[in-house]
């Protein structure tokens, strides 16, 4: 089969590699139809690492994918060849303390698509996954929508971690695919006011079309002052989706006392900081968000019910042989790209 391999910093090649094989009775062979380019994929492409997770080249990336079942293991009865599926990229052990506590996303023995040393990525013609990771989708959903299921499920999980359900007033800092997924999730949950910021005006136009109450472009606007002018007392929670020190600082400024930071963005830095004086005086909570923890089916349902339209965030399409062009575009924020999808 053909697959896209990272070969070095900003290096990618399409190579022939052996087809994956089913080796366990609960596994399925999936033909990959489409893969979304995620910010974490781009981190690996541009820096070769995310924190302690470092690429050993060559390596395949990609974990947001739509596929079709080609073959099933001997014990699989829930799926049939020909079924279209969304793929939950996390393979868990099911037996550790975290899995037994309902925290499969922090499984002690997890393997995640495209993570170094774990599972090879989905930017390939075929992958093998446990059947439990492959969720059927209705024919009404196109491959773009199925691909967006993965980031939307992260947005839904993040919203579920907010103490107030739904929060009355929320801010989203960073309106890339994850920020927009949070926005759609908040809207579906019934949040009253949602303030969205970004550096790129074209992304804010999409956020406004998706239902943001207010959008602000930093640094051309003093987004903190403008949001506080409207809310007076501050927001209930802030979803930090940019992974930047500056936006983390803005979170603290925007929150009312007792508010919550939900940190979703992945910083490229090894360390970030907060002002302890303000954090303490406001008694602000910090909640990190790790992947989607069982929200994939909920994301499928939200899209298929037409209660969330994810298509405005899909801005570009590429073929497998154009994968490097897709990654370069996303890495450099060119041509108004929000979500680039690679059709296999």
Protein backbone atom coordinates (compact mmCIF):
# COMPACT_ATOMS: atom_id res chain seq x y z
CA UNK A 1 0.00 0.00 0.00
CA UNK A 2 0.96 3.66 -0.26
CA UNK A 3 1.47 5.75 2.85
CA UNK A 4 2.82 9.21 3.67
CA UNK A 5 5.94 9.06 5.85
CA UNK A 6 7.58 11.87 7.77
CA UNK A 7 11.28 11.69 6.90
CA UNK A 8 12.68 14.67 8.81
CA UNK A 9 11.76 18.20 9.83
CA UNK A 10 9.23 19.36 7.20
CA UNK A 11 10.11 16.30 5.16
CA UNK A 12 7.48 13.89 3.83
CA UNK A 13 7.53 11.15 1.21
CA UNK A 14 4.89 8.85 -0.27
CA UNK A 15 6.27 5.32 -0.06
CA UNK A 16 5.17 1.77 -0.65
CA UNK A 17 4.88 -0.24 2.56
CA UNK A 18 3.42 -3.68 3.37
CA UNK A 19 -0.33 -3.87 3.84
CA UNK A 20 -1.31 -4.21 7.51
CA UNK A 21 -2.72 -7.57 8.54
CA UNK A 22 -5.36 -8.59 11.06
CA UNK A 23 -3.54 -10.40 13.88
CA UNK A 24 -6.24 -10.61 16.57
CA UNK A 25 -9.84 -11.87 16.39
CA UNK A 26 -11.28 -8.53 17.51
CA UNK A 27 -9.55 -6.46 14.82
CA UNK A 28 -10.79 -5.08 11.50
CA UNK A 29 -9.04 -3.99 8.32
CA UNK A 30 -10.12 -0.48 7.32
CA UNK A 31 -9.70 1.17 3.94
CA UNK A 32 -8.97 4.82 4.67
CA UNK A 33 -11.15 7.17 2.65
CA UNK A 34 -10.09 10.56 4.05
CA UNK A 35 -7.77 12.00 6.70
CA UNK A 36 -7.90 15.43 8.32
CA UNK A 37 -4.66 17.30 8.98
CA UNK A 38 -4.61 18.01 12.73
CA UNK A 39 -2.53 20.57 14.57
CA UNK A 40 -0.74 17.78 16.42
CA UNK A 41 0.22 16.20 13.09
CA UNK A 42 1.69 19.54 12.08
CA UNK A 43 3.66 19.77 15.35
CA UNK A 44 5.33 16.48 14.44
CA UNK A 45 5.88 17.71 10.88
CA UNK A 46 7.51 21.02 11.85
CA UNK A 47 9.37 20.08 15.04
CA UNK A 48 9.57 16.29 15.15
CA UNK A 49 8.11 16.12 18.64
CA UNK A 50 5.36 17.04 21.06
CA UNK A 51 6.96 17.29 24.48
CA UNK A 52 8.60 13.97 25.30
CA UNK A 53 7.02 12.23 22.30
CA UNK A 54 9.71 12.35 19.62
CA UNK A 55 9.51 10.98 16.10
CA UNK A 56 11.85 8.18 15.04
CA UNK A 57 11.95 8.58 11.25
CA UNK A 58 10.38 7.41 9.03
CA UNK A 59 6.96 7.64 10.65
CA UNK A 60 3.35 8.02 9.51
CA UNK A 61 0.94 10.52 11.04
CA UNK A 62 -2.79 11.18 10.79
CA UNK A 63 -5.55 10.20 13.22
CA UNK A 64 -8.69 12.01 12.04
CA UNK A 65 -10.09 9.55 9.54
CA UNK A 66 -13.09 8.21 7.69
CA UNK A 67 -12.93 4.64 6.45
CA UNK A 68 -14.68 1.58 5.11
CA UNK A 69 -14.48 -1.89 6.65
CA UNK A 70 -12.78 -4.36 4.29
CA UNK A 71 -12.26 -7.40 6.51
CA UNK A 72 -13.17 -8.46 10.04
CA UNK A 73 -11.51 -10.71 12.60
CA UNK A 74 -13.13 -13.99 13.59
CA UNK A 75 -14.82 -12.64 16.74
CA UNK A 76 -16.20 -9.41 15.23
CA UNK A 77 -19.98 -9.43 14.88
CA UNK A 78 -20.73 -5.70 15.20
CA UNK A 79 -19.22 -4.70 11.85
CA UNK A 80 -19.48 -6.01 8.30
CA UNK A 81 -17.33 -5.48 5.19
CA UNK A 82 -18.59 -2.46 3.29
CA UNK A 83 -19.69 -0.47 6.35
CA UNK A 84 -18.47 3.11 6.54
CA UNK A 85 -17.02 4.08 9.90
CA UNK A 86 -15.57 6.89 11.96
CA UNK A 87 -12.40 5.82 13.75
CA UNK A 88 -11.70 6.49 17.40
CA UNK A 89 -7.89 6.67 17.23
CA UNK A 90 -7.31 5.38 20.77
CA UNK A 91 -6.62 1.71 21.49
CA UNK A 92 -6.85 0.94 25.21
CA UNK A 93 -6.08 -2.06 27.39
CA UNK A 94 -9.43 -2.10 29.21
CA UNK A 95 -7.90 -3.55 32.38
CA UNK A 96 -5.76 -0.85 34.03
CA UNK A 97 -6.96 1.36 36.89
CA UNK A 98 -7.71 4.23 34.49
CA UNK A 99 -9.80 2.15 32.11
CA UNK A 100 -11.72 0.60 35.01
CA UNK A 101 -12.40 4.09 36.39
CA UNK A 102 -13.94 5.24 33.10
CA UNK A 103 -10.82 7.16 32.08
CA UNK A 104 -9.83 5.23 28.99
CA UNK A 105 -8.25 8.38 27.54
CA UNK A 106 -5.55 8.15 30.24
CA UNK A 107 -5.13 4.36 29.89
CA UNK A 108 -1.77 3.26 31.29
CA UNK A 109 -1.14 1.05 28.25
CA UNK A 110 -2.74 3.06 25.49
CA UNK A 111 -1.74 3.15 21.84
CA UNK A 112 -2.87 6.11 19.74
CA UNK A 113 -2.81 6.48 15.98
CA UNK A 114 0.29 8.40 14.84
CA UNK A 115 1.85 8.81 18.30
CA UNK A 116 5.57 7.97 18.19
CA UNK A 117 6.22 4.39 19.24
CA UNK A 118 2.51 3.57 19.38
CA UNK A 119 0.28 3.00 16.32
CA UNK A 120 1.31 3.98 12.81
CA UNK A 121 -0.79 6.83 11.51
CA UNK A 122 -3.80 6.73 9.22
CA UNK A 123 -2.28 8.69 6.33
CA UNK A 124 -2.19 5.45 4.37
CA UNK A 125 -4.44 3.32 2.22
CA UNK A 126 -5.25 0.83 5.02
CA UNK A 127 -5.03 0.47 8.78
CA UNK A 128 -5.93 -2.27 11.26
CA UNK A 129 -7.81 -1.28 14.43
CA UNK A 130 -9.86 -2.98 17.15
CA UNK A 131 -13.48 -3.24 16.06
CA UNK A 132 -14.44 -1.27 19.18
CA UNK A 133 -12.62 1.75 17.72
CA UNK A 134 -14.69 1.76 14.53
CA UNK A 135 -18.16 3.28 14.82
CA UNK A 136 -20.65 2.96 11.95
CA UNK A 137 -21.92 6.17 10.38
CA UNK A 138 -25.14 6.75 8.45
CA UNK A 139 -25.09 7.09 4.66
CA UNK A 140 -26.26 10.68 5.08
CA UNK A 141 -22.81 11.69 6.36
CA UNK A 142 -20.14 12.44 3.76
CA UNK A 143 -16.44 11.64 4.27
CA UNK A 144 -15.61 15.21 5.28
CA UNK A 145 -18.18 15.06 8.07
CA UNK A 146 -16.95 11.65 9.21
CA UNK A 147 -13.39 12.96 9.34
CA UNK A 148 -14.46 15.90 11.51
CA UNK A 149 -16.06 13.51 14.02
CA UNK A 150 -12.71 13.15 15.82
CA UNK A 151 -12.06 16.86 16.54
CA UNK A 152 -15.74 17.46 17.27
CA UNK A 153 -15.67 14.67 19.86
CA UNK A 154 -12.83 16.50 21.61
CA UNK A 155 -14.90 19.68 21.65
CA UNK A 156 -17.85 17.80 23.12
CA UNK A 157 -15.71 16.17 25.80
CA UNK A 158 -14.19 19.55 26.72
CA UNK A 159 -17.64 21.12 27.08
CA UNK A 160 -18.66 18.27 29.35
CA UNK A 161 -15.77 19.09 31.67
CA UNK A 162 -17.02 22.64 32.31
CA UNK A 163 -18.51 22.87 35.83
CA UNK A 164 -21.59 24.72 34.55
CA UNK A 165 -23.60 22.70 32.03
CA UNK A 166 -23.97 24.62 29.89
CA UNK A 167 -21.92 27.66 30.87
CA UNK A 168 -23.90 30.88 30.55
CA UNK A 169 -20.92 32.85 29.22
CA UNK A 170 -17.87 31.20 27.66
CA UNK A 171 -14.84 32.34 25.71
CA UNK A 172 -12.90 30.37 23.12
CA UNK A 173 -9.35 31.53 22.45
CA UNK A 174 -8.27 30.15 19.09
CA UNK A 175 -10.79 29.37 16.35
CA UNK A 176 -9.04 26.60 14.47
CA UNK A 177 -10.80 23.25 14.07
CA UNK A 178 -10.75 22.47 17.81
CA UNK A 179 -11.98 25.92 18.79
CA UNK A 180 -14.76 25.70 16.21
CA UNK A 181 -15.62 22.21 17.48
CA UNK A 182 -15.96 23.64 20.98
CA UNK A 183 -18.16 26.41 19.58
CA UNK A 184 -20.50 23.93 17.89
CA UNK A 185 -20.62 21.84 21.06
CA UNK A 186 -21.43 24.83 23.25
CA UNK A 187 -24.15 25.96 20.87
CA UNK A 188 -25.71 22.51 20.85
CA UNK A 189 -25.58 22.42 24.66
CA UNK A 190 -27.39 25.75 24.95
CA UNK A 191 -24.69 28.20 26.03
CA UNK A 192 -26.06 31.75 25.96
CA UNK A 193 -23.02 33.85 25.05
CA UNK A 194 -19.86 32.62 23.32
CA UNK A 195 -16.93 34.98 22.69
CA UNK A 196 -14.33 33.78 20.16
CA UNK A 197 -10.88 35.18 19.38
CA UNK A 198 -8.17 34.40 16.86
CA UNK A 199 -5.26 35.97 15.00
CA UNK A 200 -6.82 35.28 11.59
CA UNK A 201 -9.90 37.25 10.44
CA UNK A 202 -10.97 34.53 7.99
CA UNK A 203 -11.32 32.04 10.84
CA UNK A 204 -13.40 34.49 12.83
CA UNK A 205 -15.79 34.86 9.89
CA UNK A 206 -16.41 31.11 10.09
CA UNK A 207 -16.86 31.33 13.87
CA UNK A 208 -19.45 34.08 13.42
CA UNK A 209 -21.29 32.02 10.81
CA UNK A 210 -21.27 29.06 13.21
CA UNK A 211 -23.00 31.04 15.93
CA UNK A 212 -20.40 32.94 17.97
CA UNK A 213 -22.00 35.79 19.90
CA UNK A 214 -18.95 38.00 19.35
CA UNK A 215 -15.60 37.60 17.61
CA UNK A 216 -12.39 39.55 18.10
CA UNK A 217 -9.11 39.59 16.21
CA UNK A 218 -6.03 39.76 18.40
CA UNK A 219 -3.74 41.75 18.32
CA UNK A 220 -5.58 44.35 16.25
CA UNK A 221 -8.21 44.51 19.00
CA UNK A 222 -7.88 44.53 22.79
CA UNK A 223 -9.98 41.39 23.01
CA UNK A 224 -9.80 41.13 26.80
CA UNK A 225 -11.11 44.64 27.38
CA UNK A 226 -13.83 44.28 24.76
CA UNK A 227 -15.11 41.01 26.20
CA UNK A 228 -15.03 42.36 29.75
CA UNK A 229 -16.89 45.48 28.61
CA UNK A 230 -19.72 43.25 27.42
CA UNK A 231 -19.78 40.72 30.25
CA UNK A 232 -18.98 43.21 33.07
CA UNK A 233 -18.15 40.44 35.57
CA UNK A 234 -16.16 38.11 33.32
CA UNK A 235 -16.93 34.75 31.72
CA UNK A 236 -17.68 31.46 33.45
CA UNK A 237 -15.09 29.44 31.55
CA UNK A 238 -12.45 29.88 28.88
CA UNK A 239 -11.53 27.17 26.38
CA UNK A 240 -7.87 27.74 25.52
CA UNK A 241 -7.41 26.25 22.05
CA UNK A 242 -4.25 27.97 20.86
CA UNK A 243 -1.55 26.57 23.14
CA UNK A 244 0.13 29.96 23.56
CA UNK A 245 1.42 31.71 26.66
CA UNK A 246 -0.37 34.91 25.67
CA UNK A 247 -3.76 33.22 25.42
CA UNK A 248 -3.23 31.43 28.74
CA UNK A 249 -2.63 34.85 30.30
CA UNK A 250 -5.82 36.14 28.67
CA UNK A 251 -7.76 33.25 30.22
CA UNK A 252 -6.91 34.46 33.70
CA UNK A 253 -7.92 38.02 32.86
CA UNK A 254 -11.23 37.04 31.29
CA UNK A 255 -12.54 34.74 34.00
CA UNK A 256 -14.86 35.71 36.81
CA UNK A 257 -13.80 34.57 40.30
CA UNK A 258 -14.33 30.84 40.57
CA UNK A 259 -14.12 30.40 36.80
CA UNK A 260 -12.43 27.58 34.92
CA UNK A 261 -9.70 27.37 32.30
CA UNK A 262 -10.15 24.37 30.01
CA UNK A 263 -6.73 23.91 28.38
CA UNK A 264 -7.05 22.07 25.06
CA UNK A 265 -4.32 23.66 22.93
CA UNK A 266 -0.96 21.88 22.75
CA UNK A 267 1.93 24.28 23.50
CA UNK A 268 5.17 23.78 21.63
CA UNK A 269 6.99 25.06 24.72
CA UNK A 270 8.09 22.67 27.46
CA UNK A 271 6.72 24.99 30.15
CA UNK A 272 4.02 27.64 30.50
CA UNK A 273 3.25 29.86 33.47
CA UNK A 274 0.40 31.62 35.28
CA UNK A 275 0.36 34.62 37.59
CA UNK A 276 -0.23 32.98 40.98
CA UNK A 277 -1.43 36.23 42.57
CA UNK A 278 -4.40 36.59 40.21
CA UNK A 279 -5.05 32.83 40.00
CA UNK A 280 -5.21 32.64 43.80
CA UNK A 281 -7.29 35.76 44.33
CA UNK A 282 -9.86 34.63 41.78
CA UNK A 283 -9.62 30.97 42.87
CA UNK A 284 -9.44 29.92 39.25
CA UNK A 285 -9.60 26.25 38.30
CA UNK A 286 -7.32 24.77 35.64
CA UNK A 287 -8.72 21.74 33.83
CA UNK A 288 -6.54 20.07 31.20
CA UNK A 289 -8.38 18.30 28.38
CA UNK A 290 -7.05 15.00 27.07
CA UNK A 291 -8.64 13.81 23.84
CA UNK A 292 -12.29 12.72 23.67
CA UNK A 293 -13.00 10.00 26.26
CA UNK A 294 -15.99 8.20 24.81
CA UNK A 295 -17.56 11.09 22.90
CA UNK A 296 -17.16 9.75 19.36
CA UNK A 297 -20.70 8.36 19.11
CA UNK A 298 -22.10 11.60 20.51
CA UNK A 299 -20.23 13.53 17.81
CA UNK A 300 -21.60 11.24 15.09
CA UNK A 301 -25.11 11.79 16.45
CA UNK A 302 -24.66 15.57 16.62
CA UNK A 303 -23.57 15.78 12.98
CA UNK A 304 -26.01 13.23 11.57
CA UNK A 305 -28.94 14.93 13.34
CA UNK A 306 -28.00 18.20 11.57
CA UNK A 307 -27.75 19.97 14.94
CA UNK A 308 -24.13 20.84 14.08
CA UNK A 309 -22.89 21.83 10.62
CA UNK A 310 -19.15 21.10 10.49
CA UNK A 311 -18.73 21.71 6.77
CA UNK A 312 -17.80 25.42 6.99
CA UNK A 313 -14.51 24.47 8.66
CA UNK A 314 -13.50 22.18 5.77
CA UNK A 315 -11.67 24.57 3.48
CA UNK A 316 -9.24 22.51 1.37
CA UNK A 317 -8.89 19.05 -0.17
CA UNK A 318 -5.78 17.21 -1.34
CA UNK A 319 -4.89 13.79 -2.70
CA UNK A 320 -2.52 11.41 -0.91
CA UNK A 321 0.31 12.34 -3.28
CA UNK A 322 -0.22 15.98 -2.29
CA UNK A 323 0.08 15.34 1.45
CA UNK A 324 3.21 17.44 1.86
CA UNK A 325 1.47 20.38 0.18
CA UNK A 326 -1.40 20.01 2.65
CA UNK A 327 0.95 20.01 5.64
CA UNK A 328 2.88 23.01 4.35
CA UNK A 329 -0.34 24.96 3.88
CA UNK A 330 -1.59 24.16 7.38
CA UNK A 331 1.81 24.79 8.99
CA UNK A 332 2.03 28.24 7.40
CA UNK A 333 -1.71 29.13 7.75
CA UNK A 334 -1.86 29.84 4.03
CA UNK A 335 -4.87 30.57 1.84
CA UNK A 336 -7.34 30.81 4.72
CA UNK A 337 -6.98 27.14 5.58
CA UNK A 338 -8.91 25.87 8.57
CA UNK A 339 -9.26 22.14 8.00
CA UNK A 340 -7.41 20.45 5.13
CA UNK A 341 -8.60 16.96 4.27
CA UNK A 342 -6.54 14.45 2.34
CA UNK A 343 -8.61 12.09 0.20
CA UNK A 344 -6.95 8.71 0.01
